[in-house]
Amino acid sequence: MLIAKTQSYGNSALDPVRLFASSDAVEQIKVRIDDKISRLVRGHEAFDDNTPNDMLGYLVLLRIAEMIAREREA
């Protein structure tokens, strides 16, 4: 599921285009997680949302982005 979504979105989570936002991939993924939680808590999910899969995907991407960031710092 995560591989298919990553391919579909063109790896935008780990390699964002940054047309408007200048924050790094880690921070952008955290914002996506916050947005997903906000929609869930407020009951604003679309009928076809799959929140558990989306959250798992974002959390896995967050760990990967954090590992990449640490490697770049080393």
PDB file of N, CA and C in Angstrom:
ATOM      1  N   MET A   1       0.825  -1.188   0.000  1.00  0.00           N
ATOM      2  CA  MET A   1       0.000   0.000   0.000  1.00  0.00           C
ATOM      3  C   MET A   1       0.871   1.255   0.000  1.00  0.00           C
ATOM      4  N   LEU A   2       1.879   1.272   0.866  1.00  0.00           N
ATOM      5  CA  LEU A   2       2.739   2.442   0.959  1.00  0.00           C
ATOM      6  C   LEU A   2       3.556   2.641  -0.319  1.00  0.00           C
ATOM      7  N   ILE A   3       4.063   1.568  -0.878  1.00  0.00           N
ATOM      8  CA  ILE A   3       4.835   1.663  -2.117  1.00  0.00           C
ATOM      9  C   ILE A   3       3.959   2.200  -3.247  1.00  0.00           C
ATOM     10  N   ALA A   4       2.741   1.687  -3.359  1.00  0.00           N
ATOM     11  CA  ALA A   4       1.828   2.139  -4.411  1.00  0.00           C
ATOM     12  C   ALA A   4       1.497   3.627  -4.253  1.00  0.00           C
ATOM     13  N   LYS A   5       1.228   4.059  -3.029  1.00  0.00           N
ATOM     14  CA  LYS A   5       0.914   5.472  -2.802  1.00  0.00           C
ATOM     15  C   LYS A   5       2.127   6.351  -3.075  1.00  0.00           C
ATOM     16  N   THR A   6       3.303   5.899  -2.669  1.00  0.00           N
ATOM     17  CA  THR A   6       4.524   6.670  -2.908  1.00  0.00           C
ATOM     18  C   THR A   6       4.762   6.832  -4.406  1.00  0.00           C
ATOM     19  N   GLN A   7       4.548   5.775  -5.153  1.00  0.00           N
ATOM     20  CA  GLN A   7       4.702   5.857  -6.608  1.00  0.00           C
ATOM     21  C   GLN A   7       3.639   6.779  -7.208  1.00  0.00           C
ATOM     22  N   SER A   8       2.425   6.676  -6.708  1.00  0.00           N
ATOM     23  CA  SER A   8       1.326   7.483  -7.228  1.00  0.00           C
ATOM     24  C   SER A   8       1.558   8.980  -7.010  1.00  0.00           C
ATOM     25  N   TYR A   9       2.105   9.328  -5.840  1.00  0.00           N
ATOM     26  CA  TYR A   9       2.333  10.729  -5.509  1.00  0.00           C
ATOM     27  C   TYR A   9       3.726  11.208  -5.908  1.00  0.00           C
ATOM     28  N   GLY A  10       4.495  10.370  -6.562  1.00  0.00           N
ATOM     29  CA  GLY A  10       5.808  10.783  -7.030  1.00  0.00           C
ATOM     30  C   GLY A  10       6.805  11.038  -5.925  1.00  0.00           C
ATOM     31  N   ASN A  11       6.748  10.261  -4.861  1.00  0.00           N
ATOM     32  CA  ASN A  11       7.662  10.378  -3.719  1.00  0.00           C
ATOM     33  C   ASN A  11       7.627  11.777  -3.101  1.00  0.00           C
ATOM     34  N   SER A  12       6.476  12.410  -3.125  1.00  0.00           N
ATOM     35  CA  SER A  12       6.360  13.775  -2.614  1.00  0.00           C
ATOM     36  C   SER A  12       6.593  13.880  -1.108  1.00  0.00           C
ATOM     37  N   ALA A  13       6.429  12.798  -0.376  1.00  0.00           N
ATOM     38  CA  ALA A  13       6.650  12.861   1.071  1.00  0.00           C
ATOM     39  C   ALA A  13       8.130  12.948   1.405  1.00  0.00           C
ATOM     40  N   LEU A  14       8.954  12.141   0.758  1.00  0.00           N
ATOM     41  CA  LEU A  14      10.377  12.115   1.075  1.00  0.00           C
ATOM     42  C   LEU A  14      11.204  13.068   0.216  1.00  0.00           C
ATOM     43  N   ASP A  15      10.644  13.495  -0.895  1.00  0.00           N
ATOM     44  CA  ASP A  15      11.344  14.414  -1.790  1.00  0.00           C
ATOM     45  C   ASP A  15      10.363  15.483  -2.283  1.00  0.00           C
ATOM     46  N   PRO A  16       9.902  16.359  -1.364  1.00  0.00           N
ATOM     47  CA  PRO A  16       8.890  17.349  -1.734  1.00  0.00           C
ATOM     48  C   PRO A  16       9.423  18.375  -2.737  1.00  0.00           C
ATOM     49  N   VAL A  17       8.530  18.897  -3.577  1.00  0.00           N
ATOM     50  CA  VAL A  17       8.898  19.889  -4.583  1.00  0.00           C
ATOM     51  C   VAL A  17       9.224  21.233  -3.930  1.00  0.00           C
ATOM     52  N   ARG A  18       8.542  21.555  -2.869  1.00  0.00           N
ATOM     53  CA  ARG A  18       8.741  22.790  -2.097  1.00  0.00           C
ATOM     54  C   ARG A  18       8.438  24.061  -2.900  1.00  0.00           C
ATOM     55  N   LEU A  19       7.302  24.078  -3.565  1.00  0.00           N
ATOM     56  CA  LEU A  19       6.892  25.296  -4.265  1.00  0.00           C
ATOM     57  C   LEU A  19       6.428  26.368  -3.284  1.00  0.00           C
ATOM     58  N   PHE A  20       5.708  25.968  -2.248  1.00  0.00           N
ATOM     59  CA  PHE A  20       5.205  26.913  -1.259  1.00  0.00           C
ATOM     60  C   PHE A  20       5.861  26.733   0.102  1.00  0.00           C
ATOM     61  N   ALA A  21       6.001  25.507   0.549  1.00  0.00           N
ATOM     62  CA  ALA A  21       6.577  25.232   1.867  1.00  0.00           C
ATOM     63  C   ALA A  21       8.077  25.001   1.731  1.00  0.00           C
ATOM     64  N   SER A  22       8.828  25.541   2.666  1.00  0.00           N
ATOM     65  CA  SER A  22      10.275  25.362   2.613  1.00  0.00           C
ATOM     66  C   SER A  22      10.792  24.411   3.684  1.00  0.00           C
ATOM     67  N   SER A  23       9.895  23.876   4.499  1.00  0.00           N
ATOM     68  CA  SER A  23      10.333  22.978   5.563  1.00  0.00           C
ATOM     69  C   SER A  23      10.804  21.646   4.986  1.00  0.00           C
ATOM     70  N   ASP A  24      11.586  20.940   5.781  1.00  0.00           N
ATOM     71  CA  ASP A  24      12.134  19.666   5.319  1.00  0.00           C
ATOM     72  C   ASP A  24      11.066  18.576   5.308  1.00  0.00           C
ATOM     73  N   ALA A  25      11.423  17.427   4.758  1.00  0.00           N
ATOM     74  CA  ALA A  25      10.475  16.321   4.610  1.00  0.00           C
ATOM     75  C   ALA A  25       9.917  15.866   5.948  1.00  0.00           C
ATOM     76  N   VAL A  26      10.755  15.821   6.984  1.00  0.00           N
ATOM     77  CA  VAL A  26      10.292  15.374   8.308  1.00  0.00           C
ATOM     78  C   VAL A  26       9.170  16.279   8.795  1.00  0.00           C
ATOM     79  N   GLU A  27       9.389  17.582   8.736  1.00  0.00           N
ATOM     80  CA  GLU A  27       8.375  18.522   9.223  1.00  0.00           C
ATOM     81  C   GLU A  27       7.108  18.472   8.370  1.00  0.00           C
ATOM     82  N   GLN A  28       7.253  18.319   7.062  1.00  0.00           N
ATOM     83  CA  GLN A  28       6.080  18.254   6.196  1.00  0.00           C
ATOM     84  C   GLN A  28       5.254  17.003   6.469  1.00  0.00           C
ATOM     85  N   ILE A  29       5.899  15.885   6.748  1.00  0.00           N
ATOM     86  CA  ILE A  29       5.164  14.661   7.081  1.00  0.00           C
ATOM     87  C   ILE A  29       4.430  14.841   8.407  1.00  0.00           C
ATOM     88  N   LYS A  30       5.073  15.494   9.369  1.00  0.00           N
ATOM     89  CA  LYS A  30       4.412  15.755  10.654  1.00  0.00           C
ATOM     90  C   LYS A  30       3.161  16.603  10.453  1.00  0.00           C
ATOM     91  N   VAL A  31       3.220  17.571   9.549  1.00  0.00           N
ATOM     92  CA  VAL A  31       2.047  18.402   9.253  1.00  0.00           C
ATOM     93  C   VAL A  31       0.938  17.545   8.648  1.00  0.00           C
ATOM     94  N   ARG A  32       1.286  16.645   7.756  1.00  0.00           N
ATOM     95  CA  ARG A  32       0.278  15.750   7.156  1.00  0.00           C
ATOM     96  C   ARG A  32      -0.371  14.878   8.223  1.00  0.00           C
ATOM     97  N   ILE A  33       0.426  14.392   9.175  1.00  0.00           N
ATOM     98  CA  ILE A  33      -0.120  13.583  10.266  1.00  0.00           C
ATOM     99  C   ILE A  33      -1.080  14.429  11.099  1.00  0.00           C
ATOM    100  N   ASP A  34      -0.662  15.657  11.434  1.00  0.00           N
ATOM    101  CA  ASP A  34      -1.545  16.557  12.189  1.00  0.00           C
ATOM    102  C   ASP A  34      -2.848  16.814  11.445  1.00  0.00           C
ATOM    103  N   ASP A  35      -2.751  17.050  10.134  1.00  0.00           N
ATOM    104  CA  ASP A  35      -3.961  17.300   9.344  1.00  0.00           C
ATOM    105  C   ASP A  35      -4.887  16.094   9.356  1.00  0.00           C
ATOM    106  N   LYS A  36      -4.327  14.904   9.233  1.00  0.00           N
ATOM    107  CA  LYS A  36      -5.131  13.679   9.223  1.00  0.00           C
ATOM    108  C   LYS A  36      -5.836  13.502  10.572  1.00  0.00           C
ATOM    109  N   ILE A  37      -5.101  13.716  11.656  1.00  0.00           N
ATOM    110  CA  ILE A  37      -5.696  13.599  12.998  1.00  0.00           C
ATOM    111  C   ILE A  37      -6.792  14.649  13.176  1.00  0.00           C
ATOM    112  N   SER A  38      -6.550  15.859  12.696  1.00  0.00           N
ATOM    113  CA  SER A  38      -7.542  16.931  12.809  1.00  0.00           C
ATOM    114  C   SER A  38      -8.839  16.555  12.094  1.00  0.00           C
ATOM    115  N   ARG A  39      -8.724  16.044  10.858  1.00  0.00           N
ATOM    116  CA  ARG A  39      -9.933  15.641  10.122  1.00  0.00           C
ATOM    117  C   ARG A  39     -10.657  14.510  10.839  1.00  0.00           C
ATOM    118  N   LEU A  40      -9.908  13.582  11.401  1.00  0.00           N
ATOM    119  CA  LEU A  40     -10.503  12.455  12.114  1.00  0.00           C
ATOM    120  C   LEU A  40     -11.249  12.934  13.357  1.00  0.00           C
ATOM    121  N   VAL A  41     -10.596  13.746  14.163  1.00  0.00           N
ATOM    122  CA  VAL A  41     -11.185  14.222  15.415  1.00  0.00           C
ATOM    123  C   VAL A  41     -12.411  15.094  15.159  1.00  0.00           C
ATOM    124  N   ARG A  42     -12.358  15.882  14.105  1.00  0.00           N
ATOM    125  CA  ARG A  42     -13.456  16.797  13.812  1.00  0.00           C
ATOM    126  C   ARG A  42     -14.549  16.180  12.949  1.00  0.00           C
ATOM    127  N   GLY A  43     -14.342  14.929  12.544  1.00  0.00           N
ATOM    128  CA  GLY A  43     -15.352  14.246  11.752  1.00  0.00           C
ATOM    129  C   GLY A  43     -15.463  14.750  10.328  1.00  0.00           C
ATOM    130  N   HIS A  44     -14.352  15.189   9.753  1.00  0.00           N
ATOM    131  CA  HIS A  44     -14.363  15.748   8.404  1.00  0.00           C
ATOM    132  C   HIS A  44     -13.699  14.838   7.377  1.00  0.00           C
ATOM    133  N   GLU A  45     -13.717  13.560   7.623  1.00  0.00           N
ATOM    134  CA  GLU A  45     -13.110  12.630   6.681  1.00  0.00           C
ATOM    135  C   GLU A  45     -14.018  12.431   5.473  1.00  0.00           C
ATOM    136  N   ALA A  46     -13.410  12.209   4.336  1.00  0.00           N
ATOM    137  CA  ALA A  46     -14.174  11.856   3.138  1.00  0.00           C
ATOM    138  C   ALA A  46     -14.625  10.405   3.265  1.00  0.00           C
ATOM    139  N   PHE A  47     -15.685  10.070   2.565  1.00  0.00           N
ATOM    140  CA  PHE A  47     -16.248   8.724   2.697  1.00  0.00           C
ATOM    141  C   PHE A  47     -15.271   7.632   2.283  1.00  0.00           C
ATOM    142  N   ASP A  48     -14.317   7.952   1.426  1.00  0.00           N
ATOM    143  CA  ASP A  48     -13.390   6.928   0.945  1.00  0.00           C
ATOM    144  C   ASP A  48     -12.034   6.965   1.659  1.00  0.00           C
ATOM    145  N   ASP A  49     -11.904   7.777   2.711  1.00  0.00           N
ATOM    146  CA  ASP A  49     -10.648   7.815   3.463  1.00  0.00           C
ATOM    147  C   ASP A  49     -10.411   6.488   4.175  1.00  0.00           C
ATOM    148  N   ASN A  50      -9.171   6.086   4.228  1.00  0.00           N
ATOM    149  CA  ASN A  50      -8.784   4.892   4.975  1.00  0.00           C
ATOM    150  C   ASN A  50      -7.782   5.347   6.034  1.00  0.00           C
ATOM    151  N   THR A  51      -8.295   5.909   7.106  1.00  0.00           N
ATOM    152  CA  THR A  51      -7.469   6.530   8.130  1.00  0.00           C
ATOM    153  C   THR A  51      -6.420   5.602   8.720  1.00  0.00           C
ATOM    154  N   PRO A  52      -6.757   4.366   9.109  1.00  0.00           N
ATOM    155  CA  PRO A  52      -5.702   3.502   9.671  1.00  0.00           C
ATOM    156  C   PRO A  52      -4.537   3.301   8.704  1.00  0.00           C
ATOM    157  N   ASN A  53      -4.821   3.020   7.450  1.00  0.00           N
ATOM    158  CA  ASN A  53      -3.743   2.833   6.472  1.00  0.00           C
ATOM    159  C   ASN A  53      -2.977   4.127   6.240  1.00  0.00           C
ATOM    160  N   ASP A  54      -3.686   5.242   6.152  1.00  0.00           N
ATOM    161  CA  ASP A  54      -3.022   6.530   5.953  1.00  0.00           C
ATOM    162  C   ASP A  54      -2.084   6.836   7.119  1.00  0.00           C
ATOM    163  N   MET A  55      -2.555   6.635   8.336  1.00  0.00           N
ATOM    164  CA  MET A  55      -1.727   6.917   9.510  1.00  0.00           C
ATOM    165  C   MET A  55      -0.501   6.000   9.557  1.00  0.00           C
ATOM    166  N   LEU A  56      -0.702   4.719   9.296  1.00  0.00           N
ATOM    167  CA  LEU A  56       0.438   3.801   9.258  1.00  0.00           C
ATOM    168  C   LEU A  56       1.447   4.239   8.205  1.00  0.00           C
ATOM    169  N   GLY A  57       0.957   4.613   7.038  1.00  0.00           N
ATOM    170  CA  GLY A  57       1.844   5.061   5.975  1.00  0.00           C
ATOM    171  C   GLY A  57       2.631   6.298   6.363  1.00  0.00           C
ATOM    172  N   TYR A  58       1.950   7.290   6.929  1.00  0.00           N
ATOM    173  CA  TYR A  58       2.641   8.509   7.352  1.00  0.00           C
ATOM    174  C   TYR A  58       3.679   8.226   8.431  1.00  0.00           C
ATOM    175  N   LEU A  59       3.349   7.353   9.384  1.00  0.00           N
ATOM    176  CA  LEU A  59       4.301   7.043  10.455  1.00  0.00           C
ATOM    177  C   LEU A  59       5.527   6.319   9.927  1.00  0.00           C
ATOM    178  N   VAL A  60       5.336   5.412   8.977  1.00  0.00           N
ATOM    179  CA  VAL A  60       6.478   4.726   8.359  1.00  0.00           C
ATOM    180  C   VAL A  60       7.323   5.745   7.580  1.00  0.00           C
ATOM    181  N   LEU A  61       6.670   6.609   6.806  1.00  0.00           N
ATOM    182  CA  LEU A  61       7.396   7.637   6.061  1.00  0.00           C
ATOM    183  C   LEU A  61       8.149   8.577   6.993  1.00  0.00           C
ATOM    184  N   LEU A  62       7.549   8.887   8.135  1.00  0.00           N
ATOM    185  CA  LEU A  62       8.220   9.745   9.109  1.00  0.00           C
ATOM    186  C   LEU A  62       9.510   9.099   9.591  1.00  0.00           C
ATOM    187  N   ARG A  63       9.463   7.828   9.927  1.00  0.00           N
ATOM    188  CA  ARG A  63      10.678   7.128  10.388  1.00  0.00           C
ATOM    189  C   ARG A  63      11.744   7.117   9.301  1.00  0.00           C
ATOM    190  N   ILE A  64      11.341   6.865   8.058  1.00  0.00           N
ATOM    191  CA  ILE A  64      12.292   6.855   6.946  1.00  0.00           C
ATOM    192  C   ILE A  64      12.902   8.241   6.767  1.00  0.00           C
ATOM    193  N   ALA A  65      12.069   9.273   6.779  1.00  0.00           N
ATOM    194  CA  ALA A  65      12.563  10.645   6.610  1.00  0.00           C
ATOM    195  C   ALA A  65      13.521  11.022   7.737  1.00  0.00           C
ATOM    196  N   GLU A  66      13.222  10.604   8.955  1.00  0.00           N
ATOM    197  CA  GLU A  66      14.121  10.885  10.083  1.00  0.00           C
ATOM    198  C   GLU A  66      15.458  10.168   9.909  1.00  0.00           C
ATOM    199  N   MET A  67      15.429   8.940   9.434  1.00  0.00           N
ATOM    200  CA  MET A  67      16.677   8.206   9.195  1.00  0.00           C
ATOM    201  C   MET A  67      17.506   8.895   8.113  1.00  0.00           C
ATOM    202  N   ILE A  68      16.861   9.320   7.037  1.00  0.00           N
ATOM    203  CA  ILE A  68      17.569  10.025   5.966  1.00  0.00           C
ATOM    204  C   ILE A  68      18.188  11.316   6.483  1.00  0.00           C
ATOM    205  N   ALA A  69      17.435  12.056   7.289  1.00  0.00           N
ATOM    206  CA  ALA A  69      17.936  13.309   7.848  1.00  0.00           C
ATOM    207  C   ALA A  69      19.153  13.072   8.739  1.00  0.00           C
ATOM    208  N   ARG A  70      19.113  12.030   9.563  1.00  0.00           N
ATOM    209  CA  ARG A  70      20.255  11.706  10.414  1.00  0.00           C
ATOM    210  C   ARG A  70      21.481  11.341   9.591  1.00  0.00           C
ATOM    211  N   GLU A  71      21.278  10.592   8.533  1.00  0.00           N
ATOM    212  CA  GLU A  71      22.396  10.200   7.667  1.00  0.00           C
ATOM    213  C   GLU A  71      23.033  11.424   7.001  1.00  0.00           C
ATOM    214  N   ARG A  72      22.210  12.373   6.618  1.00  0.00           N
ATOM    215  CA  ARG A  72      22.741  13.608   5.980  1.00  0.00           C
ATOM    216  C   ARG A  72      23.519  14.445   6.962  1.00  0.00           C
ATOM    217  N   GLU A  73      23.125  14.387   8.249  1.00  0.00           N
ATOM    218  CA  GLU A  73      23.825  15.160   9.278  1.00  0.00           C
ATOM    219  C   GLU A  73      25.165  14.542   9.640  1.00  0.00           C
ATOM    220  N   ALA A  74      25.297  13.240   9.430  1.00  0.00           N
ATOM    221  CA  ALA A  74      26.530  12.530   9.842  1.00  0.00           C
ATOM    222  C   ALA A  74      27.676  12.778   8.892  1.00  0.00           C
TER     223      ALA A  74
END
